Structures are given as structure tokens and as C-alpha cells.
Amino acid sequence: MPPSTPSEQPAAARSPYLEVFASRRIAAMLLLGFASGLPLALSAGSLQAWLTVEGVDIATIGFFALAGLPYTFKFVWAPLVDRFEPPLLGRRRGWLVLTQLGLALACVAMSTLDPATSVLAIGACAVAIAFLSASQDIAFDAYRSDLLGERERGAGAAVSVLGYRLAMLVSGGLALILADQWLGWPGTYRLMAGLFAAMALVSVWAPRVQAVRGPASEVRRELVGFVAMLAAGLAVWFALRALPWGSLEADRFGRLAVLTFCLLASFAAALKAARWAGFPSFIAPWDAFFSRERAVALLALIVLYKLGDAFAGTLSTAFLIRGAGFSQTEVGAVNKVLGLAATIVGALAGGAWLAKRPLYGALMVFGVLQAVSNLGYWLLSVAPRSFALMAAAIGLENLCGGMGTAAFVAFLMALTDRRFSAAQFALLSALAAVGRVYVGPAAGLMVEAIGWPAFFLWTVVAALPGLLLLRWLRSTIEALSRPPGSKETT
């Protein structure tokens, strides 16, 4: 048999990794991941820096943290992204362009304001940026789930993380430097507006996703259901918070328990009102998800899979400074720079792994590595102070965490029904955040009770329920894998 020609050989011997990563679809994930990460600091850390240098009092600056609430509650309006589609650009891309242009306008408006005289207006702009950013996240997560095939999910998750992290550097650290040295804060926000306008062009260039016919319902019914759901949830929340809880809120755990109860009761009331009023875009995704086999167990896996990783990470900075005795400069240099690089490398490695191997195997291997990597912090807590050991522990933990994140995001994408991908991904990702929210108070009390070494051993144990549940769900997760295009039913 004659040897292949140079033009034939690369195609025949092309790595499956290159086939996946070297595509317009994955390039779009990188650029849109960048767009997704760009607004976060503009309503949080960078905005705090601007208010601080302008002499705004610390109490007022503290209230600006509330501007981030839209990120927490984005699942409330995510169903409307499934139900309604802007004209011209088709499914998902129209919402991306609208939110990105809205972000550009909000940044231009922010650049015209003076923090010394227009704090309320700046607060309104910050809320607008957070709302539009959360809405962009809804559309992007749904677009990624709709666009990518089974072999591409890991790579798509990986490059999305890369783009997101790079954007956080641009709107975070780089924005501070630009504002301080050259542009000032108004000029910096105008520059960010230009970047959002460029991202809108990227969304126009990005591949079109196949249209999917979802449940068609009356616009009036959707809007009435949405208002009823929102009103019922808020009414129950404010009614419960007005009750005299007394000693129950005297300590951190009691306050957390009360807030949890109020949130769950409000959510139950909102869900009941949505079903009673007939809000199909909100109810249909829930019904579709719970119609699948072992739905409750899959929801439990979403909460538990990264629980051990969340435990280890929630107090890592405090441990490195107070427990291990490193300086803030040492921790900042290694934890932020090396940690970021390791997370990106881990995500890319996880995406490459998933390009050729099944989802279940990746979840199991990376889940075990996430758990084992926490032993690096345990070793730091019992060994003499060592800068090299700190770098190795942080690098290993972030590397394994990045791989786990790539597999986990691919798992969430595999769970979504394309008819309801915006609503379902928003709900599932909100559920995934539950563990990260609640481990903080528990972790602090555990460290006080048992010390750092035992705490980090406990973080390994905390990862085991998720791994055992993953093993029990093996057949269900393997059934999620489909040949590319097999889910493209209309």
C-alpha cells in the first residue's frame, strides 16, 4: 500500500483532541466565555475600587454588594429566555446580542456619573449591569448546551472557563491599572463598553443553533404566571422575615437555619403560584426533568459532587495566612497567579480528556482527584512552613478542581433538555451553588472545634458521598452520552 500523501496524512492521523478544539464552535465558546466573565467585576470589585478612591463611605460601599443579587435569582426569569426569541438572529444569539449591547449602554451611562454626587444612579447602573450579565449567562449557558455535541462538551466547558477567567483579569486587575495610570474610571468603563460592543459582533459571528420547537403558550398567560410567581415568593419571604424569631437568630447557625427556611418556603410558594396561575415556561422544565429516571438522585449528585472541594476552598486563604503562617504577599502571588493558571490548565486537560472518553469515567476520575488533592492542605497543616509545599498544594488543588469543573459543566449540559436548556441550566447551576453557600459557616465552626489538620481530612471524607452516589448512578449517566446529533430532534 503506497504511503499517504502529505495532504492526506494529517487528516488521517489527526488527534481527536485537535478535531474538537480546532473548530469554530469551540472558538465561539472561548470568546463568549470571555464575554460572560467580563461584567462581573464591573458591578463588584472594580466598582468598589472606584467608590473607594472617590471617598464614598464604607457603609455605602457595603450596600453595593446587593447589586449582585440578580446572579443568585437568575433562574426566576430564565424560562422567559426559552419561551421568547428576539427576531433575526434565531435561538439564543439574539438574547446574547441584546444583553451585550445593553451592557455596553450601561457602562457608558456609568461613565457619565460622579460617585460623589450620584451614588444612587451608580447603584442603579450596577444593578442593571448585574441583571444584564446574569441574563447573558442564562443565554450563553443555554447556547452552549444547545450547540455542542457529546464529544465537544468537555472542550466547550474548558475553553469557557479559560475565557471567563481571562475576562475577570481584564475587568478586575487590568481595569484597576488602567484607571489608576491612564484612563481614569470613566474612561475605563467606556473601554469596557467598547469590549461589550465587540462581543455583540462575536455573537453575530457565532454558529447558529438548530431551532427547537418548545411548548407554545399565550404571551399573556406567561406574563401573568411570571408576576404571580414573583408576587407569591416575595410575599411569603417578607411575611416570614417580619416574624419575631428571637433567640433562633442569635448565632450564625440559627440565622442560617432561619434564612434557609424562609428561602425554601418562599420558593415553594412561588412554585405553587406558578403552577396555579399557569406559568408553563417555568413549570414545563421542572416536569420534563422529573420525568427522567432517578431525577432526585441526579439533583443530589449536583449538590454533592464538588462538596469536598468547596469545603477545602472556602477557608483556604484564611488557612494559608493564619494556619500555615504565610504572608499576604506570598499567598496573593501563589494563590491568585499559580492557582489561576492551574485552574485553566486543569480545565483544558479535562476538556481534552472528555473529547475521547466517556462522561462517567471523567466524573469519577476527576472526582477522586479532587478529593485526594485536598490532602495537600492537610500536609501543609502538619509539616513545617514551606513555600514550595504551599505552591505544590495550591497548584495540585486548583489543577484537579479545574478538571472536575470541566466534567461537571459537561454533566450539567448533558442533563438539559434542549427545549428548556435556559431554564434547566439556570436551575441546575443554582442548585450546584447550594453547597458552596452553606459550607462556609460550617467550615469555620469545624476548624474551631477540631483544628486545621482534622478539618482537611474531613474535606476528603465529605467528597465520598458524591462519589458513591456517582457510582450508583453509573448506568443513568452513561445513558446521557449520545452520538453527536442524536438529540437534535424537532
Protein backbone atom coordinates (compact mmCIF):
# COMPACT_ATOMS: atom_id res chain seq x y z
CA MET A 1 0.00 0.00 0.00
CA PRO A 2 1.57 3.32 -1.02
CA PRO A 3 2.33 5.88 1.68
CA SER A 4 -0.22 8.59 2.14
CA THR A 5 0.43 11.96 0.64
CA PRO A 6 1.28 14.92 2.92
CA SER A 7 -2.18 16.35 2.41
CA GLU A 8 -3.84 13.08 3.39
CA GLN A 9 -1.70 12.19 6.39
CA PRO A 10 -2.72 14.96 8.79
CA ALA A 11 -6.41 14.28 8.26
CA ALA A 12 -5.92 10.55 8.78
CA ALA A 13 -3.72 10.93 11.83
CA ARG A 14 -5.42 13.96 13.32
CA SER A 15 -5.83 13.73 17.08
CA PRO A 16 -9.40 13.64 18.33
CA TYR A 17 -8.39 16.42 20.71
CA LEU A 18 -7.42 18.69 17.81
CA GLU A 19 -10.58 17.79 15.92
CA VAL A 20 -12.64 19.02 18.84
CA PHE A 21 -10.62 22.06 19.90
CA ALA A 22 -9.83 23.38 16.41
CA SER A 23 -13.38 24.31 15.44
CA ARG A 24 -15.43 27.45 15.05
CA ARG A 25 -17.87 26.17 17.67
CA ILE A 26 -15.17 25.90 20.33
CA ALA A 27 -13.68 29.24 19.32
CA ALA A 28 -17.11 30.77 19.90
CA MET A 29 -17.16 29.20 23.38
CA LEU A 30 -13.83 30.85 24.21
CA LEU A 31 -14.92 34.31 23.08
CA LEU A 32 -18.41 34.11 24.57
CA GLY A 33 -16.94 32.74 27.81
CA PHE A 34 -14.84 35.92 27.84
CA ALA A 35 -18.00 37.98 27.32
CA SER A 36 -19.67 36.13 30.20
CA GLY A 37 -16.87 36.87 32.65
CA LEU A 38 -16.31 40.50 31.68
CA PRO A 39 -19.19 42.20 33.56
CA LEU A 40 -18.70 40.52 36.96
CA ALA A 41 -16.09 42.89 38.40
CA LEU A 42 -17.77 45.97 36.89
CA SER A 43 -20.59 45.73 39.42
CA ALA A 44 -18.42 44.34 42.23
CA GLY A 45 -14.65 44.62 42.86
CA SER A 46 -13.73 47.27 40.27
CA LEU A 47 -16.75 49.36 41.19
CA GLN A 48 -15.78 49.12 44.87
CA ALA A 49 -12.30 50.39 43.97
CA TRP A 50 -13.77 53.39 42.12
CA LEU A 51 -16.10 54.25 45.01
CA THR A 52 -13.24 53.89 47.49
CA VAL A 53 -10.82 56.23 45.72
CA GLU A 54 -13.66 58.77 45.33
CA GLY A 55 -14.11 58.82 49.12
CA VAL A 56 -17.53 57.13 49.39
CA ASP A 57 -18.06 55.90 52.96
CA ILE A 58 -17.54 52.21 53.67
CA ALA A 59 -21.12 51.60 54.83
CA THR A 60 -22.46 52.78 51.46
CA ILE A 61 -19.89 50.67 49.61
CA GLY A 62 -21.02 47.66 51.61
CA PHE A 63 -24.59 48.05 50.35
CA PHE A 64 -23.31 47.79 46.77
CA ALA A 65 -22.77 44.08 47.37
CA LEU A 66 -26.56 43.75 46.96
CA ALA A 67 -26.12 44.61 43.29
CA GLY A 68 -25.04 41.00 42.76
CA LEU A 69 -28.45 39.54 43.70
CA PRO A 70 -29.51 39.00 40.05
CA TYR A 71 -26.82 36.30 39.75
CA THR A 72 -28.46 34.36 42.58
CA PHE A 73 -32.02 34.61 41.28
CA LYS A 74 -31.45 34.40 37.53
CA PHE A 75 -33.39 31.13 37.39
CA VAL A 76 -36.58 33.18 38.03
CA TRP A 77 -36.61 34.78 34.57
CA ALA A 78 -34.57 32.12 32.74
CA PRO A 79 -37.79 30.39 31.49
CA LEU A 80 -38.68 33.53 29.54
CA VAL A 81 -35.44 33.13 27.55
CA ASP A 82 -36.69 29.71 26.46
CA ARG A 83 -40.17 30.96 25.60
CA PHE A 84 -39.34 34.16 23.70
CA GLU A 85 -36.80 34.66 20.93
CA PRO A 86 -35.67 38.03 19.56
CA PRO A 87 -36.05 38.27 15.77
CA LEU A 88 -33.35 37.93 13.10
CA LEU A 89 -30.55 36.02 14.84
CA GLY A 90 -32.51 32.96 15.88
CA ARG A 91 -32.40 30.91 19.05
CA ARG A 92 -30.06 32.15 21.82
CA ARG A 93 -27.85 34.50 19.75
CA GLY A 94 -30.48 37.24 19.73
CA TRP A 95 -30.53 37.30 23.54
CA LEU A 96 -26.72 37.36 23.60
CA VAL A 97 -26.58 40.40 21.32
CA LEU A 98 -29.32 42.24 23.24
CA THR A 99 -27.69 41.72 26.63
CA GLN A 100 -24.22 42.64 25.34
CA LEU A 101 -25.46 45.86 23.75
CA GLY A 102 -27.36 46.59 26.96
CA LEU A 103 -24.15 46.10 28.95
CA ALA A 104 -22.33 48.49 26.62
CA LEU A 105 -25.01 51.15 27.18
CA ALA A 106 -24.99 50.60 30.97
CA CYS A 107 -21.20 51.06 31.06
CA VAL A 108 -21.47 54.26 29.00
CA ALA A 109 -24.13 55.53 31.42
CA MET A 110 -21.91 54.62 34.38
CA SER A 111 -19.00 56.57 32.88
CA THR A 112 -21.05 59.80 32.90
CA LEU A 113 -21.75 59.67 36.66
CA ASP A 114 -19.83 61.13 39.59
CA PRO A 115 -19.76 58.91 42.73
CA ALA A 116 -19.62 62.00 44.95
CA THR A 117 -23.00 63.28 43.75
CA SER A 118 -24.75 60.35 42.02
CA VAL A 119 -24.38 57.33 44.28
CA LEU A 120 -27.98 56.19 43.75
CA ALA A 121 -27.67 56.45 39.97
CA ILE A 122 -24.42 54.47 40.08
CA GLY A 123 -26.19 51.86 42.21
CA ALA A 124 -28.96 51.62 39.61
CA CYS A 125 -26.38 51.17 36.85
CA ALA A 126 -24.61 48.49 38.91
CA VAL A 127 -27.89 46.57 39.32
CA ALA A 128 -28.55 46.95 35.58
CA ILE A 129 -25.08 45.59 34.76
CA ALA A 130 -25.58 42.63 37.11
CA PHE A 131 -29.07 41.90 35.70
CA LEU A 132 -27.89 42.07 32.09
CA SER A 133 -24.83 39.99 32.97
CA ALA A 134 -26.93 37.31 34.65
CA SER A 135 -29.25 37.32 31.62
CA GLN A 136 -26.26 36.96 29.30
CA ASP A 137 -25.12 33.99 31.41
CA ILE A 138 -28.56 32.38 31.00
CA ALA A 139 -28.43 32.77 27.22
CA PHE A 140 -24.79 31.65 26.97
CA ASP A 141 -25.26 28.53 29.12
CA ALA A 142 -28.30 27.58 27.04
CA TYR A 143 -26.48 28.32 23.77
CA ARG A 144 -23.53 26.16 24.82
CA SER A 145 -25.84 23.30 25.80
CA ASP A 146 -27.75 23.55 22.51
CA LEU A 147 -24.73 23.93 20.23
CA LEU A 148 -22.24 21.34 21.43
CA GLY A 149 -22.36 17.62 20.79
CA GLU A 150 -21.44 14.99 23.35
CA ARG A 151 -17.73 14.88 22.38
CA GLU A 152 -17.48 18.67 22.42
CA ARG A 153 -18.96 19.35 25.85
CA GLY A 154 -15.73 18.96 27.80
CA ALA A 155 -13.77 21.15 25.41
CA GLY A 156 -16.56 23.73 25.40
CA ALA A 157 -16.63 23.82 29.20
CA ALA A 158 -12.83 24.08 29.33
CA VAL A 159 -12.42 26.99 26.94
CA SER A 160 -15.41 28.74 28.51
CA VAL A 161 -13.60 28.64 31.86
CA LEU A 162 -10.45 29.96 30.14
CA GLY A 163 -12.33 32.85 28.54
CA TYR A 164 -14.21 33.61 31.76
CA ARG A 165 -11.04 33.75 33.84
CA LEU A 166 -9.21 35.93 31.33
CA ALA A 167 -12.14 38.33 31.29
CA MET A 168 -12.08 38.58 35.07
CA LEU A 169 -8.44 39.63 34.84
CA VAL A 170 -9.31 42.28 32.26
CA SER A 171 -12.27 43.82 34.11
CA GLY A 172 -10.63 43.24 37.50
CA GLY A 173 -6.86 43.68 37.82
CA LEU A 174 -6.21 45.29 34.41
CA ALA A 175 -9.10 47.73 34.88
CA LEU A 176 -7.59 48.94 38.16
CA ILE A 177 -4.24 49.56 36.48
CA LEU A 178 -5.80 51.35 33.50
CA ALA A 179 -7.96 53.51 35.77
CA ASP A 180 -5.04 54.40 38.02
CA GLN A 181 -2.36 55.03 35.39
CA TRP A 182 -4.03 56.19 32.18
CA LEU A 183 -7.78 56.34 31.64
CA GLY A 184 -9.42 57.07 34.98
CA TRP A 185 -12.59 55.22 35.91
CA PRO A 186 -14.94 56.93 33.43
CA GLY A 187 -12.53 56.15 30.60
CA THR A 188 -12.14 52.56 31.81
CA TYR A 189 -15.90 51.99 31.80
CA ARG A 190 -16.09 53.44 28.27
CA LEU A 191 -13.37 50.99 27.22
CA MET A 192 -15.41 48.13 28.70
CA ALA A 193 -18.43 49.38 26.76
CA GLY A 194 -16.38 49.05 23.57
CA LEU A 195 -15.47 45.48 24.50
CA PHE A 196 -19.13 44.58 25.01
CA ALA A 197 -19.96 46.04 21.59
CA ALA A 198 -17.21 43.86 20.11
CA MET A 199 -18.66 40.82 21.90
CA ALA A 200 -22.01 41.53 20.23
CA LEU A 201 -20.26 41.16 16.88
CA VAL A 202 -18.83 37.85 18.11
CA SER A 203 -22.36 36.67 18.92
CA VAL A 204 -23.47 37.55 15.38
CA TRP A 205 -20.48 35.57 14.00
CA ALA A 206 -21.06 32.55 16.27
CA PRO A 207 -22.68 29.44 14.72
CA ARG A 208 -26.45 29.28 14.61
CA VAL A 209 -28.12 26.56 16.69
CA GLN A 210 -30.87 24.40 15.31
CA ALA A 211 -34.33 25.64 16.17
CA VAL A 212 -36.23 23.51 18.66
CA ARG A 213 -39.99 23.62 18.97
CA GLY A 214 -40.94 24.03 22.62
CA PRO A 215 -44.35 24.35 24.17
CA ALA A 216 -46.18 27.30 22.59
CA SER A 217 -48.30 29.21 25.07
CA GLU A 218 -50.03 32.57 25.13
CA VAL A 219 -47.88 35.57 25.97
CA ARG A 220 -50.49 36.87 28.41
CA ARG A 221 -50.54 33.55 30.26
CA GLU A 222 -46.74 33.58 30.54
CA LEU A 223 -46.59 37.10 31.91
CA VAL A 224 -49.47 36.58 34.38
CA GLY A 225 -47.82 33.39 35.62
CA PHE A 226 -44.46 35.14 35.99
CA VAL A 227 -45.96 38.02 38.01
CA ALA A 228 -47.97 35.61 40.19
CA MET A 229 -44.89 33.51 40.92
CA LEU A 230 -42.80 36.56 41.79
CA ALA A 231 -45.52 38.13 43.96
CA ALA A 232 -46.16 34.92 45.93
CA GLY A 233 -42.48 34.32 46.61
CA LEU A 234 -41.83 37.89 47.76
CA ALA A 235 -44.97 37.99 49.90
CA VAL A 236 -44.03 34.83 51.80
CA TRP A 237 -40.42 35.99 52.20
CA PHE A 238 -41.31 39.37 53.72
CA ALA A 239 -44.06 37.85 55.88
CA LEU A 240 -41.69 35.26 57.34
CA ARG A 241 -38.85 37.74 57.84
CA ALA A 242 -41.26 40.01 59.79
CA LEU A 243 -41.88 37.29 62.39
CA PRO A 244 -40.10 37.60 65.78
CA TRP A 245 -37.60 34.74 65.50
CA GLY A 246 -35.91 35.80 68.76
CA SER A 247 -33.12 33.56 70.01
CA LEU A 248 -33.16 31.42 66.85
CA GLU A 249 -31.19 34.17 65.10
CA ALA A 250 -28.79 34.73 67.98
CA ASP A 251 -25.94 32.71 66.47
CA ARG A 252 -24.67 32.07 62.95
CA PHE A 253 -26.16 28.59 62.60
CA GLY A 254 -29.56 29.74 63.87
CA ARG A 255 -29.60 32.69 61.49
CA LEU A 256 -28.59 30.42 58.62
CA ALA A 257 -31.35 27.97 59.52
CA VAL A 258 -33.97 30.74 59.63
CA LEU A 259 -32.86 32.19 56.30
CA THR A 260 -32.85 28.73 54.74
CA PHE A 261 -36.38 28.05 55.96
CA CYS A 262 -37.59 31.42 54.64
CA LEU A 263 -35.99 30.81 51.25
CA LEU A 264 -37.41 27.30 50.93
CA ALA A 265 -40.89 28.43 51.98
CA SER A 266 -40.77 31.37 49.57
CA PHE A 267 -39.61 29.11 46.75
CA ALA A 268 -42.35 26.57 47.49
CA ALA A 269 -44.97 29.35 47.48
CA ALA A 270 -43.60 30.74 44.20
CA LEU A 271 -43.66 27.29 42.61
CA LYS A 272 -47.22 26.68 43.79
CA ALA A 273 -48.35 30.07 42.46
CA ALA A 274 -46.64 29.43 39.12
CA ARG A 275 -48.48 26.12 38.74
CA TRP A 276 -51.80 27.60 39.93
CA ALA A 277 -51.59 30.61 37.61
CA GLY A 278 -50.39 28.52 34.70
CA PHE A 279 -46.81 29.65 34.03
CA PRO A 280 -45.87 26.94 31.52
CA SER A 281 -42.35 28.16 30.77
CA PHE A 282 -41.45 27.69 34.43
CA ILE A 283 -43.41 24.51 35.19
CA ALA A 284 -42.64 22.60 31.98
CA PRO A 285 -38.83 22.41 32.57
CA TRP A 286 -39.43 21.03 36.07
CA ASP A 287 -41.93 18.46 34.84
CA ALA A 288 -39.62 17.44 32.00
CA PHE A 289 -36.67 16.97 34.35
CA PHE A 290 -38.57 14.99 36.96
CA SER A 291 -39.98 12.71 34.28
CA ARG A 292 -36.50 11.24 33.79
CA GLU A 293 -35.26 8.21 35.69
CA ARG A 294 -33.65 8.88 39.10
CA ALA A 295 -34.21 12.63 38.83
CA VAL A 296 -33.98 13.27 42.58
CA ALA A 297 -30.73 11.32 42.82
CA LEU A 298 -29.27 13.35 39.95
CA LEU A 299 -30.16 16.57 41.79
CA ALA A 300 -28.45 15.22 44.92
CA LEU A 301 -25.34 14.43 42.86
CA ILE A 302 -25.25 18.02 41.59
CA VAL A 303 -25.11 19.25 45.20
CA LEU A 304 -22.64 16.64 46.46
CA TYR A 305 -20.16 16.21 43.60
CA LYS A 306 -17.96 19.22 44.44
CA LEU A 307 -18.83 19.41 48.15
CA GLY A 308 -15.40 18.29 49.39
CA ASP A 309 -13.72 20.73 47.01
CA ALA A 310 -15.98 23.52 48.31
CA PHE A 311 -15.12 22.69 51.92
CA ALA A 312 -11.39 22.87 51.24
CA GLY A 313 -11.61 26.08 49.22
CA THR A 314 -13.91 28.13 51.42
CA LEU A 315 -11.26 28.86 54.08
CA SER A 316 -8.10 28.25 52.07
CA THR A 317 -6.87 31.86 52.17
CA ALA A 318 -7.50 32.16 55.91
CA PHE A 319 -5.67 28.88 56.49
CA LEU A 320 -2.63 29.88 54.42
CA ILE A 321 -2.27 33.17 56.34
CA ARG A 322 -3.35 32.23 59.86
CA GLY A 323 -2.90 28.47 59.95
CA ALA A 324 0.23 27.99 57.84
CA GLY A 325 1.87 31.35 58.59
CA PHE A 326 2.42 32.74 55.08
CA SER A 327 2.34 36.46 54.32
CA GLN A 328 -0.43 38.09 52.33
CA THR A 329 2.04 38.80 49.52
CA GLU A 330 3.10 35.15 49.36
CA VAL A 331 -0.48 33.95 49.38
CA GLY A 332 -1.56 36.50 46.77
CA ALA A 333 1.30 35.67 44.42
CA VAL A 334 0.79 31.91 44.57
CA ASN A 335 -2.94 31.56 45.23
CA LYS A 336 -4.04 34.06 42.60
CA VAL A 337 -1.40 33.65 39.88
CA LEU A 338 -0.43 29.98 40.15
CA GLY A 339 -3.94 28.99 41.25
CA LEU A 340 -5.50 30.69 38.24
CA ALA A 341 -3.00 29.13 35.83
CA ALA A 342 -3.52 25.68 37.35
CA THR A 343 -7.32 26.01 37.11
CA ILE A 344 -7.09 26.93 33.42
CA VAL A 345 -4.66 24.09 32.67
CA GLY A 346 -6.87 21.67 34.60
CA ALA A 347 -9.99 22.75 32.71
CA LEU A 348 -8.24 22.38 29.35
CA ALA A 349 -6.86 18.98 30.35
CA GLY A 350 -10.33 17.91 31.46
CA GLY A 351 -11.79 19.06 28.16
CA ALA A 352 -9.15 17.13 26.22
CA TRP A 353 -9.89 14.01 28.28
CA LEU A 354 -13.62 14.31 27.61
CA ALA A 355 -13.00 14.68 23.87
CA LYS A 356 -12.13 10.98 23.72
CA ARG A 357 -13.50 9.37 26.88
CA PRO A 358 -16.99 8.89 28.34
CA LEU A 359 -18.53 11.38 30.75
CA TYR A 360 -18.98 8.93 33.61
CA GLY A 361 -15.30 7.94 33.66
CA ALA A 362 -14.20 11.57 33.64
CA LEU A 363 -16.56 12.45 36.52
CA MET A 364 -15.25 9.54 38.58
CA VAL A 365 -11.54 10.07 37.89
CA PHE A 366 -11.68 13.83 38.41
CA GLY A 367 -13.91 13.44 41.47
CA VAL A 368 -11.34 11.16 43.09
CA LEU A 369 -8.52 13.56 42.17
CA GLN A 370 -10.47 16.49 43.66
CA ALA A 371 -10.78 14.60 46.93
CA VAL A 372 -7.17 13.41 47.07
CA SER A 373 -5.80 16.87 46.18
CA ASN A 374 -7.21 18.22 49.48
CA LEU A 375 -4.53 16.19 51.26
CA GLY A 376 -2.04 18.79 50.07
CA TYR A 377 -3.59 21.29 52.50
CA TRP A 378 -3.56 18.65 55.24
CA LEU A 379 0.17 18.15 54.64
CA LEU A 380 0.69 21.93 54.84
CA SER A 381 -1.13 21.96 58.19
CA VAL A 382 1.17 19.32 59.78
CA ALA A 383 4.51 19.98 58.03
CA PRO A 384 7.00 22.79 58.73
CA ARG A 385 6.39 26.02 56.84
CA SER A 386 7.49 25.58 53.20
CA PHE A 387 6.85 27.93 50.30
CA ALA A 388 7.45 25.14 47.78
CA LEU A 389 4.97 22.89 49.55
CA MET A 390 2.38 25.68 49.54
CA ALA A 391 2.84 26.20 45.80
CA ALA A 392 2.54 22.46 45.16
CA ALA A 393 -0.60 22.14 47.30
CA ILE A 394 -2.32 25.13 45.67
CA GLY A 395 -1.28 24.07 42.18
CA LEU A 396 -2.50 20.49 42.66
CA GLU A 397 -5.82 21.50 44.24
CA ASN A 398 -6.61 24.02 41.50
CA LEU A 399 -5.46 21.68 38.74
CA CYS A 400 -7.76 18.90 39.92
CA GLY A 401 -10.55 21.37 40.64
CA GLY A 402 -10.30 22.69 37.07
CA MET A 403 -10.58 19.19 35.65
CA GLY A 404 -13.56 18.48 37.88
CA THR A 405 -15.23 21.72 36.77
CA ALA A 406 -14.87 20.82 33.09
CA ALA A 407 -16.51 17.42 33.67
CA PHE A 408 -19.19 18.88 35.94
CA VAL A 409 -20.25 21.57 33.46
CA ALA A 410 -20.33 18.92 30.72
CA PHE A 411 -22.57 16.86 33.04
CA LEU A 412 -24.97 19.77 33.52
CA MET A 413 -25.09 20.30 29.75
CA ALA A 414 -25.88 16.62 29.23
CA LEU A 415 -28.77 16.83 31.70
CA THR A 416 -30.54 19.72 29.98
CA ASP A 417 -33.43 19.23 27.59
CA ARG A 418 -32.86 21.41 24.53
CA ARG A 419 -36.46 22.64 24.68
CA PHE A 420 -35.78 24.15 28.12
CA SER A 421 -31.98 24.49 28.23
CA ALA A 422 -32.01 28.09 29.54
CA ALA A 423 -34.39 27.36 32.42
CA GLN A 424 -32.94 23.96 33.32
CA PHE A 425 -29.28 25.01 33.23
CA ALA A 426 -30.05 28.08 35.36
CA LEU A 427 -31.89 25.92 37.90
CA LEU A 428 -29.23 23.20 37.97
CA SER A 429 -26.35 25.66 38.30
CA ALA A 430 -28.21 27.46 41.13
CA LEU A 431 -28.59 24.10 42.86
CA ALA A 432 -24.87 23.41 42.37
CA ALA A 433 -24.11 26.62 44.29
CA VAL A 434 -26.01 25.43 47.37
CA GLY A 435 -23.01 23.53 48.71
CA ARG A 436 -20.65 26.47 48.25
CA VAL A 437 -23.04 28.79 50.12
CA TYR A 438 -23.61 26.57 53.16
CA VAL A 439 -20.16 25.10 53.78
CA GLY A 440 -18.70 28.46 54.86
CA PRO A 441 -20.38 28.76 58.27
CA ALA A 442 -19.97 25.03 58.93
CA ALA A 443 -16.30 25.09 57.96
CA GLY A 444 -15.46 27.92 60.36
CA LEU A 445 -17.07 26.17 63.32
CA MET A 446 -15.40 22.88 62.43
CA VAL A 447 -11.94 24.46 62.35
CA GLU A 448 -12.55 25.99 65.77
CA ALA A 449 -13.69 22.61 67.13
CA ILE A 450 -11.21 20.13 65.56
CA GLY A 451 -8.33 22.19 64.15
CA TRP A 452 -6.91 22.51 60.64
CA PRO A 453 -5.38 19.02 60.15
CA ALA A 454 -8.57 17.16 61.08
CA PHE A 455 -10.64 19.63 59.05
CA PHE A 456 -8.73 18.94 55.84
CA LEU A 457 -9.01 15.20 56.41
CA TRP A 458 -12.75 15.77 56.80
CA THR A 459 -12.87 17.52 53.39
CA VAL A 460 -11.70 14.25 51.82
CA VAL A 461 -14.45 12.36 53.65
CA ALA A 462 -17.02 14.98 52.53
CA ALA A 463 -16.26 14.07 48.90
CA LEU A 464 -17.13 10.38 49.39
CA PRO A 465 -20.97 10.60 49.37
CA GLY A 466 -20.86 12.28 45.96
CA LEU A 467 -18.50 9.61 44.59
CA LEU A 468 -20.64 6.78 45.97
CA LEU A 469 -23.78 8.34 44.52
CA LEU A 470 -21.97 8.80 41.21
CA ARG A 471 -21.09 5.09 41.18
CA TRP A 472 -24.70 4.16 41.91
CA LEU A 473 -25.88 6.38 39.03
CA ARG A 474 -23.36 4.98 36.55
CA SER A 475 -25.90 3.48 34.15
CA THR A 476 -28.02 6.64 34.21
CA ILE A 477 -25.04 8.88 33.44
CA GLU A 478 -23.74 6.57 30.72
CA ALA A 479 -27.19 6.79 29.10
CA LEU A 480 -26.74 10.56 28.82
CA SER A 481 -23.97 10.07 26.26
CA ARG A 482 -25.33 10.20 22.74
CA PRO A 483 -23.64 10.30 19.37
CA PRO A 484 -23.39 13.88 18.09
CA GLY A 485 -26.68 14.99 16.61
CA SER A 486 -28.80 12.27 18.19
CA LYS A 487 -30.59 14.80 20.40
CA GLU A 488 -31.29 17.14 17.52
CA THR A 489 -34.97 16.28 17.30
CA THR A 490 -37.54 18.82 16.36
